[in-house]
C-alpha atoms as a PDB file:
ATOM      1  CA  UNK A   1      -0.019   0.013   0.001  1.00  0.00           C
ATOM      2  CA  UNK A   2       1.626   3.147  -1.196  1.00  0.00           C
ATOM      3  CA  UNK A   3       0.999   6.212   0.979  1.00  0.00           C
ATOM      4  CA  UNK A   4      -0.953   4.191   3.659  1.00  0.00           C
ATOM      5  CA  UNK A   5      -0.067   6.434   6.489  1.00  0.00           C
ATOM      6  CA  UNK A   6      -3.237   8.524   6.006  1.00  0.00           C
ATOM      7  CA  UNK A   7      -6.172   9.157   3.682  1.00  0.00           C
ATOM      8  CA  UNK A   8      -7.369   6.773   1.213  1.00  0.00           C
ATOM      9  CA  UNK A   9      -4.192   4.604   1.574  1.00  0.00           C
ATOM     10  CA  UNK A  10      -4.904   4.079   5.207  1.00  0.00           C
ATOM     11  CA  UNK A  11      -8.506   3.285   4.405  1.00  0.00           C
ATOM     12  CA  UNK A  12      -7.509   0.640   1.955  1.00  0.00           C
ATOM     13  CA  UNK A  13      -4.946  -0.945   4.320  1.00  0.00           C
ATOM     14  CA  UNK A  14      -7.569  -1.055   7.124  1.00  0.00           C
ATOM     15  CA  UNK A  15     -10.087  -2.709   4.756  1.00  0.00           C
ATOM     16  CA  UNK A  16      -7.505  -5.295   3.664  1.00  0.00           C
ATOM     17  CA  UNK A  17      -6.476  -5.956   7.334  1.00  0.00           C
ATOM     18  CA  UNK A  18     -10.172  -6.308   8.307  1.00  0.00           C
ATOM     19  CA  UNK A  19     -10.634  -9.002   5.639  1.00  0.00           C
ATOM     20  CA  UNK A  20      -7.586 -10.851   7.155  1.00  0.00           C
ATOM     21  CA  UNK A  21      -4.861  -9.807   4.720  1.00  0.00           C
ATOM     22  CA  UNK A  22      -1.348  -8.928   5.625  1.00  0.00           C
ATOM     23  CA  UNK A  23      -0.092  -5.586   4.524  1.00  0.00           C
ATOM     24  CA  UNK A  24       2.836  -3.297   3.872  1.00  0.00           C
ATOM     25  CA  UNK A  25       2.410   0.455   4.587  1.00  0.00           C
ATOM     26  CA  UNK A  26       4.847   2.564   2.524  1.00  0.00           C
ATOM     27  CA  UNK A  27       5.319   6.205   3.301  1.00  0.00           C
ATOM     28  CA  UNK A  28       8.026   8.933   2.976  1.00  0.00           C
ATOM     29  CA  UNK A  29       8.057   8.917   6.746  1.00  0.00           C
ATOM     30  CA  UNK A  30       8.718   5.724   8.713  1.00  0.00           C
ATOM     31  CA  UNK A  31       7.222   7.161  11.773  1.00  0.00           C
ATOM     32  CA  UNK A  32       4.013   8.094  10.013  1.00  0.00           C
ATOM     33  CA  UNK A  33       3.854   4.518   8.443  1.00  0.00           C
ATOM     34  CA  UNK A  34       4.478   3.081  11.984  1.00  0.00           C
ATOM     35  CA  UNK A  35       1.868   5.171  13.605  1.00  0.00           C
ATOM     36  CA  UNK A  36      -0.665   4.192  10.929  1.00  0.00           C
ATOM     37  CA  UNK A  37       0.069   0.437  11.458  1.00  0.00           C
ATOM     38  CA  UNK A  38      -0.282   0.823  15.202  1.00  0.00           C
ATOM     39  CA  UNK A  39      -3.652   2.446  14.740  1.00  0.00           C
ATOM     40  CA  UNK A  40      -4.863  -0.165  12.221  1.00  0.00           C
ATOM     41  CA  UNK A  41      -3.630  -3.030  14.326  1.00  0.00           C
ATOM     42  CA  UNK A  42      -5.266  -1.699  17.477  1.00  0.00           C
ATOM     43  CA  UNK A  43      -8.704  -2.193  15.799  1.00  0.00           C
ATOM     44  CA  UNK A  44      -8.070  -5.932  15.513  1.00  0.00           C
ATOM     45  CA  UNK A  45      -6.523  -6.726  18.780  1.00  0.00           C
ATOM     46  CA  UNK A  46      -9.291  -9.205  19.732  1.00  0.00           C
ATOM     47  CA  UNK A  47      -8.909 -11.217  16.546  1.00  0.00           C
ATOM     48  CA  UNK A  48      -7.914 -14.885  16.840  1.00  0.00           C
ATOM     49  CA  UNK A  49      -5.943 -14.816  13.586  1.00  0.00           C
ATOM     50  CA  UNK A  50      -2.807 -12.655  13.456  1.00  0.00           C
ATOM     51  CA  UNK A  51      -2.504  -9.955  10.904  1.00  0.00           C
ATOM     52  CA  UNK A  52       1.045  -9.038   9.870  1.00  0.00           C
ATOM     53  CA  UNK A  53       1.458  -5.292   9.097  1.00  0.00           C
ATOM     54  CA  UNK A  54       4.787  -3.668   8.436  1.00  0.00           C
ATOM     55  CA  UNK A  55       5.931  -0.100   7.837  1.00  0.00           C
ATOM     56  CA  UNK A  56       8.421   0.946   5.174  1.00  0.00           C
ATOM     57  CA  UNK A  57      10.004   4.360   4.494  1.00  0.00           C
ATOM     58  CA  UNK A  58      10.402   5.029   0.731  1.00  0.00           C
ATOM     59  CA  UNK A  59      10.701   8.037  -1.415  1.00  0.00           C
ATOM     60  CA  UNK A  60       8.549   6.956  -4.285  1.00  0.00           C
ATOM     61  CA  UNK A  61      10.281   9.470  -6.574  1.00  0.00           C
ATOM     62  CA  UNK A  62      13.543   7.636  -6.178  1.00  0.00           C
ATOM     63  CA  UNK A  63      13.799   4.609  -8.610  1.00  0.00           C
ATOM     64  CA  UNK A  64      16.445   2.797  -6.388  1.00  0.00           C
ATOM     65  CA  UNK A  65      14.448   3.317  -3.161  1.00  0.00           C
ATOM     66  CA  UNK A  66      11.299   1.893  -4.810  1.00  0.00           C
ATOM     67  CA  UNK A  67      13.226  -1.138  -6.093  1.00  0.00           C
ATOM     68  CA  UNK A  68      14.821  -1.738  -2.759  1.00  0.00           C
ATOM     69  CA  UNK A  69      11.666  -1.365  -0.761  1.00  0.00           C
ATOM     70  CA  UNK A  70       9.716  -3.769  -3.106  1.00  0.00           C
ATOM     71  CA  UNK A  71      12.507  -6.277  -2.815  1.00  0.00           C
ATOM     72  CA  UNK A  72      12.389  -5.962   1.015  1.00  0.00           C
ATOM     73  CA  UNK A  73       8.610  -6.276   1.081  1.00  0.00           C
ATOM     74  CA  UNK A  74       8.945  -9.508  -1.012  1.00  0.00           C
ATOM     75  CA  UNK A  75      11.470 -10.871   1.353  1.00  0.00           C
ATOM     76  CA  UNK A  76       9.328 -10.074   4.364  1.00  0.00           C
ATOM     77  CA  UNK A  77       6.053 -11.378   3.064  1.00  0.00           C
ATOM     78  CA  UNK A  78       7.123 -13.975   0.354  1.00  0.00           C
ATOM     79  CA  UNK A  79       5.110 -12.241  -2.419  1.00  0.00           C
ATOM     80  CA  UNK A  80       2.948  -9.312  -3.194  1.00  0.00           C
ATOM     81  CA  UNK A  81      -0.697 -10.053  -4.319  1.00  0.00           C
ATOM     82  CA  UNK A  82      -2.094  -6.469  -4.427  1.00  0.00           C
ATOM     83  CA  UNK A  83      -0.657  -3.106  -4.790  1.00  0.00           C
ATOM     84  CA  UNK A  84      -2.718   0.118  -4.163  1.00  0.00           C
ATOM     85  CA  UNK A  85      -0.966   3.448  -4.954  1.00  0.00           C
ATOM     86  CA  UNK A  86      -2.871   6.081  -3.192  1.00  0.00           C
ATOM     87  CA  UNK A  87      -0.421   8.952  -2.756  1.00  0.00           C
ATOM     88  CA  UNK A  88      -1.479  12.201  -4.201  1.00  0.00           C
ATOM     89  CA  UNK A  89      -0.446  15.875  -3.817  1.00  0.00           C
ATOM     90  CA  UNK A  90      -3.389  18.223  -4.591  1.00  0.00           C
ATOM     91  CA  UNK A  91      -3.003  21.960  -5.004  1.00  0.00           C
ATOM     92  CA  UNK A  92      -5.783  24.433  -5.720  1.00  0.00           C
ATOM     93  CA  UNK A  93      -3.662  26.869  -7.857  1.00  0.00           C
ATOM     94  CA  UNK A  94      -4.581  28.279 -11.190  1.00  0.00           C
ATOM     95  CA  UNK A  95      -2.504  26.850 -14.054  1.00  0.00           C
ATOM     96  CA  UNK A  96      -0.999  30.225 -14.823  1.00  0.00           C
ATOM     97  CA  UNK A  97       0.218  30.653 -11.190  1.00  0.00           C
ATOM     98  CA  UNK A  98       1.596  27.167 -10.862  1.00  0.00           C
ATOM     99  CA  UNK A  99       5.317  26.984 -10.635  1.00  0.00           C
ATOM    100  CA  UNK A 100       7.138  24.565 -12.761  1.00  0.00           C
ATOM    101  CA  UNK A 101       9.005  23.296  -9.599  1.00  0.00           C
ATOM    102  CA  UNK A 102       5.693  22.445  -7.992  1.00  0.00           C
ATOM    103  CA  UNK A 103       4.376  20.960 -11.208  1.00  0.00           C
ATOM    104  CA  UNK A 104       7.385  18.534 -11.364  1.00  0.00           C
ATOM    105  CA  UNK A 105       6.911  17.633  -7.582  1.00  0.00           C
ATOM    106  CA  UNK A 106       3.319  16.761  -8.210  1.00  0.00           C
ATOM    107  CA  UNK A 107       4.284  14.667 -11.269  1.00  0.00           C
ATOM    108  CA  UNK A 108       7.132  12.943  -9.558  1.00  0.00           C
ATOM    109  CA  UNK A 109       4.951  11.838  -6.621  1.00  0.00           C
ATOM    110  CA  UNK A 110       1.550  11.270  -8.133  1.00  0.00           C
ATOM    111  CA  UNK A 111       2.497   9.902 -11.564  1.00  0.00           C
ATOM    112  CA  UNK A 112       6.128   8.804 -11.492  1.00  0.00           C
ATOM    113  CA  UNK A 113       5.762   7.216  -7.949  1.00  0.00           C
ATOM    114  CA  UNK A 114       2.695   5.217  -9.038  1.00  0.00           C
ATOM    115  CA  UNK A 115       4.542   4.161 -12.274  1.00  0.00           C
ATOM    116  CA  UNK A 116       7.683   2.907 -10.356  1.00  0.00           C
ATOM    117  CA  UNK A 117       5.708   1.117  -7.726  1.00  0.00           C
ATOM    118  CA  UNK A 118       3.397  -0.659 -10.251  1.00  0.00           C
ATOM    119  CA  UNK A 119       6.426  -1.501 -12.507  1.00  0.00           C
ATOM    120  CA  UNK A 120       8.369  -3.025  -9.706  1.00  0.00           C
ATOM    121  CA  UNK A 121       5.323  -5.029  -8.195  1.00  0.00           C
ATOM    122  CA  UNK A 122       4.395  -5.991 -11.828  1.00  0.00           C
ATOM    123  CA  UNK A 123       7.905  -7.392 -12.395  1.00  0.00           C
ATOM    124  CA  UNK A 124       7.564  -9.271  -9.150  1.00  0.00           C
ATOM    125  CA  UNK A 125       4.257 -10.700 -10.120  1.00  0.00           C
ATOM    126  CA  UNK A 126       5.300 -11.785 -13.447  1.00  0.00           C
ATOM    127  CA  UNK A 127       8.688 -13.333 -12.251  1.00  0.00           C
ATOM    128  CA  UNK A 128       6.933 -15.334  -9.448  1.00  0.00           C
ATOM    129  CA  UNK A 129       3.919 -16.149 -11.578  1.00  0.00           C
ATOM    130  CA  UNK A 130       1.469 -14.550  -9.071  1.00  0.00           C
ATOM    131  CA  UNK A 131      -2.086 -15.714 -10.086  1.00  0.00           C
ATOM    132  CA  UNK A 132      -4.960 -13.369  -9.463  1.00  0.00           C
ATOM    133  CA  UNK A 133      -2.759 -10.428  -8.390  1.00  0.00           C
ATOM    134  CA  UNK A 134      -4.034  -6.872  -8.663  1.00  0.00           C
ATOM    135  CA  UNK A 135      -2.335  -3.451  -9.256  1.00  0.00           C
ATOM    136  CA  UNK A 136      -4.649  -0.635  -8.366  1.00  0.00           C
ATOM    137  CA  UNK A 137      -3.609   2.975  -9.324  1.00  0.00           C
ATOM    138  CA  UNK A 138      -6.054   5.238  -7.489  1.00  0.00           C
ATOM    139  CA  UNK A 139      -7.234   7.717 -10.058  1.00  0.00           C
ATOM    140  CA  UNK A 140     -10.028  10.321  -9.874  1.00  0.00           C
ATOM    141  CA  UNK A 141     -12.921  11.556 -12.000  1.00  0.00           C
ATOM    142  CA  UNK A 142     -10.651  14.682 -12.151  1.00  0.00           C
ATOM    143  CA  UNK A 143      -8.740  12.647 -14.658  1.00  0.00           C
ATOM    144  CA  UNK A 144     -11.612  12.815 -17.147  1.00  0.00           C
ATOM    145  CA  UNK A 145     -13.533  16.021 -16.252  1.00  0.00           C
ATOM    146  CA  UNK A 146     -12.518  19.365 -14.960  1.00  0.00           C
ATOM    147  CA  UNK A 147     -14.319  19.914 -11.565  1.00  0.00           C
ATOM    148  CA  UNK A 148     -15.037  23.578 -10.829  1.00  0.00           C
ATOM    149  CA  UNK A 149     -14.435  25.743  -9.021  1.00  0.00           C
ATOM    150  CA  UNK A 150     -11.279  24.039  -8.024  1.00  0.00           C
ATOM    151  CA  UNK A 151      -8.218  25.112  -9.935  1.00  0.00           C
ATOM    152  CA  UNK A 152      -6.357  21.909 -10.239  1.00  0.00           C
ATOM    153  CA  UNK A 153      -4.962  21.602 -13.696  1.00  0.00           C
ATOM    154  CA  UNK A 154      -1.797  19.711 -12.596  1.00  0.00           C
ATOM    155  CA  UNK A 155      -3.797  17.278 -10.362  1.00  0.00           C
ATOM    156  CA  UNK A 156      -6.361  16.722 -13.039  1.00  0.00           C
ATOM    157  CA  UNK A 157      -3.548  15.920 -15.645  1.00  0.00           C
ATOM    158  CA  UNK A 158      -1.932  13.324 -13.378  1.00  0.00           C
ATOM    159  CA  UNK A 159      -5.279  11.700 -12.116  1.00  0.00           C
ATOM    160  CA  UNK A 160      -5.731  10.379 -15.751  1.00  0.00           C
ATOM    161  CA  UNK A 161      -3.185   7.922 -14.777  1.00  0.00           C
ATOM    162  CA  UNK A 162      -6.005   5.339 -14.709  1.00  0.00           C
ATOM    163  CA  UNK A 163      -5.224   5.092 -18.469  1.00  0.00           C
ATOM    164  CA  UNK A 164      -1.860   3.774 -17.431  1.00  0.00           C
ATOM    165  CA  UNK A 165      -3.622   0.968 -15.654  1.00  0.00           C
ATOM    166  CA  UNK A 166      -5.852   0.202 -18.737  1.00  0.00           C
ATOM    167  CA  UNK A 167      -2.643   0.208 -20.925  1.00  0.00           C
ATOM    168  CA  UNK A 168      -0.826  -2.285 -18.699  1.00  0.00           C
ATOM    169  CA  UNK A 169      -3.720  -4.471 -18.499  1.00  0.00           C
ATOM    170  CA  UNK A 170      -3.603  -4.883 -22.289  1.00  0.00           C
ATOM    171  CA  UNK A 171       0.061  -5.378 -22.146  1.00  0.00           C
ATOM    172  CA  UNK A 172       0.142  -8.124 -19.612  1.00  0.00           C
END
C-alpha cells in the first residue's frame, strides 16, 4: 500500500486488514507509517488470527528506493498479491500561477511514484507467476472531467493515470 499512513491509503490498508490480509505500509516517513500500522492493528487486537502489518519508508520518486523497498517487502512477506497506490499531492492553484518546480513535484509523486511502484510490483508478479494479483492505481474523476471551482490543472492531468492501468492490463 503506497502512502498508507493517511487518507485513502490508510482506509484501503484498514479494509485489507479487516478481511484478514497482511499488509505493507509505504510512506515517505517511517514514523507516519508506523503510527498508521499501530492504529490499524489496534482495531483488530481481539482477533484470533494474526495480521502482519509492516511499515516501510520510501521516497517513491527515487527509482532505487522503490526497487529496494519492493524487494524488502517480497523478502518479508514472500510475495505481493495486491498493490494500491494512493499517494497524491493536490494543490488548488490556477495553471498560470503554478510554478514549474511544484508541477514537477506533483508529477514526480503522483505519476512517477505510481509508475515506479506498479512497474516493480508488476515485475515481481510476472517473475513469481503470481495468479490473481491486482495493481490498483487510484485515479479520480478529475482525470476525465474538470471539476470547478477547483483550480487543479496539474492534479487533473496526473489523475488520468487510470489510463496507465488500462494500458498495462492490455500489455500483460
